[in-house]
């Protein structure tokens, strides 16, 4: 059984108005591949007489992406405050590397892609890809299913894991690449 990652409940968000919105949205966060991600969400009416029921029009109108990014920035600021407090505390020391890792976990980059995910993410992509390849299953499909992403995204992630050196180069177009780290000849 895989142990559950520690979770953190975000501050409630009132919507559509932050001061007196009729809906309350609460995100629950967990570290996924070294980055804080939303793993649960609750939407509640603060006054059902005013809002009525939660319907598809209401759901489509909620700007989830911007609300998530705003709360991720707040998580980052919390981590930075803690790191700074530890740095100022006499007798305690936190290395620059530890501070960077803490900030990475809080999701320093709002952009994903190559700079947004830490090396641990690309290593996990390579691990899933390699396991599927070894079993004779389509590795890109396995990555897509494991991370719950679309197949083109999984293919890009496999390519980025390859670029990061976690997978060897593909022998030719349309063929799955090797499953180990790149050899010296491949790196040249």
Protein backbone atom coordinates (compact mmCIF):
# COMPACT_ATOMS: atom_id res chain seq x y z
CA UNK A 1 0.00 0.00 0.00
CA UNK A 2 1.32 3.43 -0.95
CA UNK A 3 1.40 5.86 2.02
CA UNK A 4 -0.79 8.90 1.60
CA UNK A 5 1.05 12.17 1.11
CA UNK A 6 0.57 14.77 3.84
CA UNK A 7 -2.21 17.17 2.94
CA UNK A 8 -2.86 20.79 3.71
CA UNK A 9 -6.24 22.49 3.56
CA UNK A 10 -6.09 25.90 1.91
CA UNK A 11 -7.82 28.97 3.23
CA UNK A 12 -11.48 29.20 2.18
CA UNK A 13 -12.05 31.40 -0.89
CA UNK A 14 -15.29 33.34 -1.31
CA UNK A 15 -16.55 33.63 -4.87
CA UNK A 16 -17.47 35.55 -6.98
CA UNK A 17 -16.56 38.38 -4.59
CA UNK A 18 -13.69 37.79 -2.12
CA UNK A 19 -15.45 39.83 0.58
CA UNK A 20 -19.05 38.72 0.37
CA UNK A 21 -19.27 36.01 -2.29
CA UNK A 22 -22.14 33.57 -1.95
CA UNK A 23 -19.96 30.52 -2.68
CA UNK A 24 -17.07 29.16 -0.66
CA UNK A 25 -14.33 27.10 -2.34
CA UNK A 26 -11.79 25.12 -0.32
CA UNK A 27 -8.83 23.35 -1.93
CA UNK A 28 -6.92 20.54 -0.30
CA UNK A 29 -3.25 20.36 -1.29
CA UNK A 30 -0.61 17.60 -1.29
CA UNK A 31 2.92 17.38 -2.63
CA UNK A 32 2.77 15.51 -5.94
CA UNK A 33 6.08 14.86 -7.70
CA UNK A 34 7.69 17.55 -5.57
CA UNK A 35 5.08 20.25 -6.19
CA UNK A 36 1.97 21.32 -4.28
CA UNK A 37 -1.09 20.27 -6.26
CA UNK A 38 -4.82 20.39 -5.56
CA UNK A 39 -6.00 16.87 -4.70
CA UNK A 40 -9.48 17.69 -3.41
CA UNK A 41 -11.92 20.56 -3.68
CA UNK A 42 -15.15 21.50 -1.95
CA UNK A 43 -17.65 24.07 -3.20
CA UNK A 44 -20.35 25.16 -0.76
CA UNK A 45 -23.15 27.65 -0.86
CA UNK A 46 -23.00 30.13 2.01
CA UNK A 47 -26.65 31.01 1.51
CA UNK A 48 -28.68 28.51 -0.57
CA UNK A 49 -31.64 30.90 -0.65
CA UNK A 50 -29.54 33.37 -2.66
CA UNK A 51 -27.38 31.03 -4.75
CA UNK A 52 -29.79 28.22 -5.47
CA UNK A 53 -28.28 24.89 -6.37
CA UNK A 54 -24.80 24.27 -7.67
CA UNK A 55 -25.27 23.83 -11.41
CA UNK A 56 -23.10 23.53 -14.49
CA UNK A 57 -23.34 27.24 -15.30
CA UNK A 58 -21.99 28.12 -11.86
CA UNK A 59 -19.21 25.53 -12.15
CA UNK A 60 -18.15 26.77 -15.58
CA UNK A 61 -18.01 30.34 -14.27
CA UNK A 62 -15.53 29.58 -11.48
CA UNK A 63 -12.02 30.59 -12.59
CA UNK A 64 -10.36 27.54 -11.03
CA UNK A 65 -6.98 28.03 -12.71
CA UNK A 66 -6.48 31.54 -11.37
CA UNK A 67 -7.83 30.63 -7.91
CA UNK A 68 -5.45 27.66 -7.70
CA UNK A 69 -2.44 29.70 -8.84
CA UNK A 70 -3.27 32.46 -6.35
CA UNK A 71 -3.46 29.97 -3.50
CA UNK A 72 -0.24 28.27 -4.67
CA UNK A 73 1.47 31.69 -4.48
CA UNK A 74 0.12 32.02 -0.92
CA UNK A 75 1.56 28.59 -0.05
CA UNK A 76 4.90 29.68 -1.47
CA UNK A 77 4.82 32.86 0.60
CA UNK A 78 4.07 30.77 3.73
CA UNK A 79 7.08 28.54 3.02
CA UNK A 80 9.30 31.55 2.38
CA UNK A 81 8.21 33.11 5.71
CA UNK A 82 9.04 29.89 7.58
CA UNK A 83 12.41 29.55 5.84
CA UNK A 84 13.26 33.17 6.62
CA UNK A 85 12.22 32.72 10.28
CA UNK A 86 14.48 29.67 10.55
CA UNK A 87 17.36 31.60 8.97
CA UNK A 88 16.97 34.39 11.55
CA UNK A 89 16.70 32.05 14.53
CA UNK A 90 20.00 31.86 16.43
CA UNK A 91 21.43 28.36 16.52
CA UNK A 92 19.31 27.09 13.62
CA UNK A 93 20.63 26.80 10.10
CA UNK A 94 18.96 26.06 6.78
CA UNK A 95 21.06 25.56 3.69
CA UNK A 96 20.35 27.34 0.43
CA UNK A 97 19.60 23.92 -1.13
CA UNK A 98 17.01 23.10 1.57
CA UNK A 99 15.42 26.53 1.11
CA UNK A 100 15.26 25.97 -2.67
CA UNK A 101 13.70 22.53 -2.21
CA UNK A 102 11.10 23.93 0.19
CA UNK A 103 10.23 26.66 -2.29
CA UNK A 104 10.06 24.11 -5.14
CA UNK A 105 7.63 22.00 -3.12
CA UNK A 106 5.43 25.04 -2.65
CA UNK A 107 5.37 25.45 -6.43
CA UNK A 108 7.72 28.36 -7.00
CA UNK A 109 7.18 28.31 -10.74
CA UNK A 110 3.63 29.00 -11.75
CA UNK A 111 4.57 27.66 -15.16
CA UNK A 112 4.94 23.95 -15.52
CA UNK A 113 6.98 22.54 -18.35
CA UNK A 114 10.70 21.92 -18.02
CA UNK A 115 11.29 24.58 -15.40
CA UNK A 116 8.11 23.98 -13.43
CA UNK A 117 8.65 20.35 -12.44
CA UNK A 118 11.59 19.23 -10.32
CA UNK A 119 13.91 16.41 -11.42
CA UNK A 120 11.97 13.98 -9.19
CA UNK A 121 8.97 14.39 -11.50
CA UNK A 122 10.98 13.49 -14.61
CA UNK A 123 12.51 10.52 -12.75
CA UNK A 124 9.00 9.29 -11.89
CA UNK A 125 7.92 9.70 -15.54
CA UNK A 126 10.95 7.63 -16.56
CA UNK A 127 10.17 4.97 -13.93
CA UNK A 128 6.56 4.55 -15.14
CA UNK A 129 7.69 4.60 -18.77
CA UNK A 130 10.42 1.99 -18.13
CA UNK A 131 8.09 -0.33 -16.19
CA UNK A 132 5.53 -0.32 -19.01
CA UNK A 133 8.25 -0.79 -21.62
CA UNK A 134 9.67 -3.76 -19.69
CA UNK A 135 6.21 -5.37 -19.50
CA UNK A 136 5.59 -4.88 -23.20
CA UNK A 137 2.85 -2.30 -22.60
CA UNK A 138 2.70 1.00 -24.52
CA UNK A 139 4.86 3.26 -22.31
CA UNK A 140 3.29 6.57 -23.36
CA UNK A 141 -0.18 5.24 -22.57
CA UNK A 142 1.09 4.04 -19.16
CA UNK A 143 2.49 7.51 -18.37
CA UNK A 144 -0.79 9.13 -19.46
CA UNK A 145 -2.85 6.83 -17.25
CA UNK A 146 -0.53 7.04 -14.23
CA UNK A 147 -0.42 10.85 -14.19
CA UNK A 148 -3.98 11.31 -15.51
CA UNK A 149 -2.85 13.39 -18.47
CA UNK A 150 -3.59 13.16 -22.18
CA UNK A 151 -1.39 11.01 -24.40
CA UNK A 152 0.30 13.99 -26.19
CA UNK A 153 1.27 15.40 -22.77
CA UNK A 154 2.63 11.99 -21.73
CA UNK A 155 4.69 11.85 -24.93
CA UNK A 156 6.11 15.33 -24.24
CA UNK A 157 6.91 14.33 -20.66
CA UNK A 158 8.73 11.19 -21.85
CA UNK A 159 10.72 13.38 -24.22
CA UNK A 160 11.57 15.77 -21.39
CA UNK A 161 12.56 12.87 -19.13
CA UNK A 162 14.83 11.79 -22.01
CA UNK A 163 16.23 15.34 -22.30
CA UNK A 164 16.90 15.31 -18.55
CA UNK A 165 18.93 12.10 -18.96
CA UNK A 166 16.52 9.69 -17.26
CA UNK A 167 15.81 7.73 -20.47
CA UNK A 168 18.12 6.83 -23.34
CA UNK A 169 17.49 8.19 -26.82
CA UNK A 170 14.87 6.62 -29.07
CA UNK A 171 16.42 4.45 -31.79
CA UNK A 172 14.13 5.88 -34.48
CA UNK A 173 10.78 7.60 -34.88
CA UNK A 174 7.81 5.57 -33.69
CA UNK A 175 9.86 3.27 -31.46
CA UNK A 176 10.01 3.39 -27.67
CA UNK A 177 13.36 4.55 -26.36
CA UNK A 178 15.63 2.67 -24.03
CA UNK A 179 14.81 2.58 -20.38
CA UNK A 180 18.09 3.42 -18.69
CA UNK A 181 20.00 6.63 -18.34
CA UNK A 182 21.73 7.87 -21.47
CA UNK A 183 25.10 6.36 -22.30
CA UNK A 184 28.17 8.53 -22.88
CA UNK A 185 27.86 8.08 -26.66
CA UNK A 186 24.23 9.24 -26.57
CA UNK A 187 25.13 12.36 -24.58
CA UNK A 188 27.57 13.51 -27.30
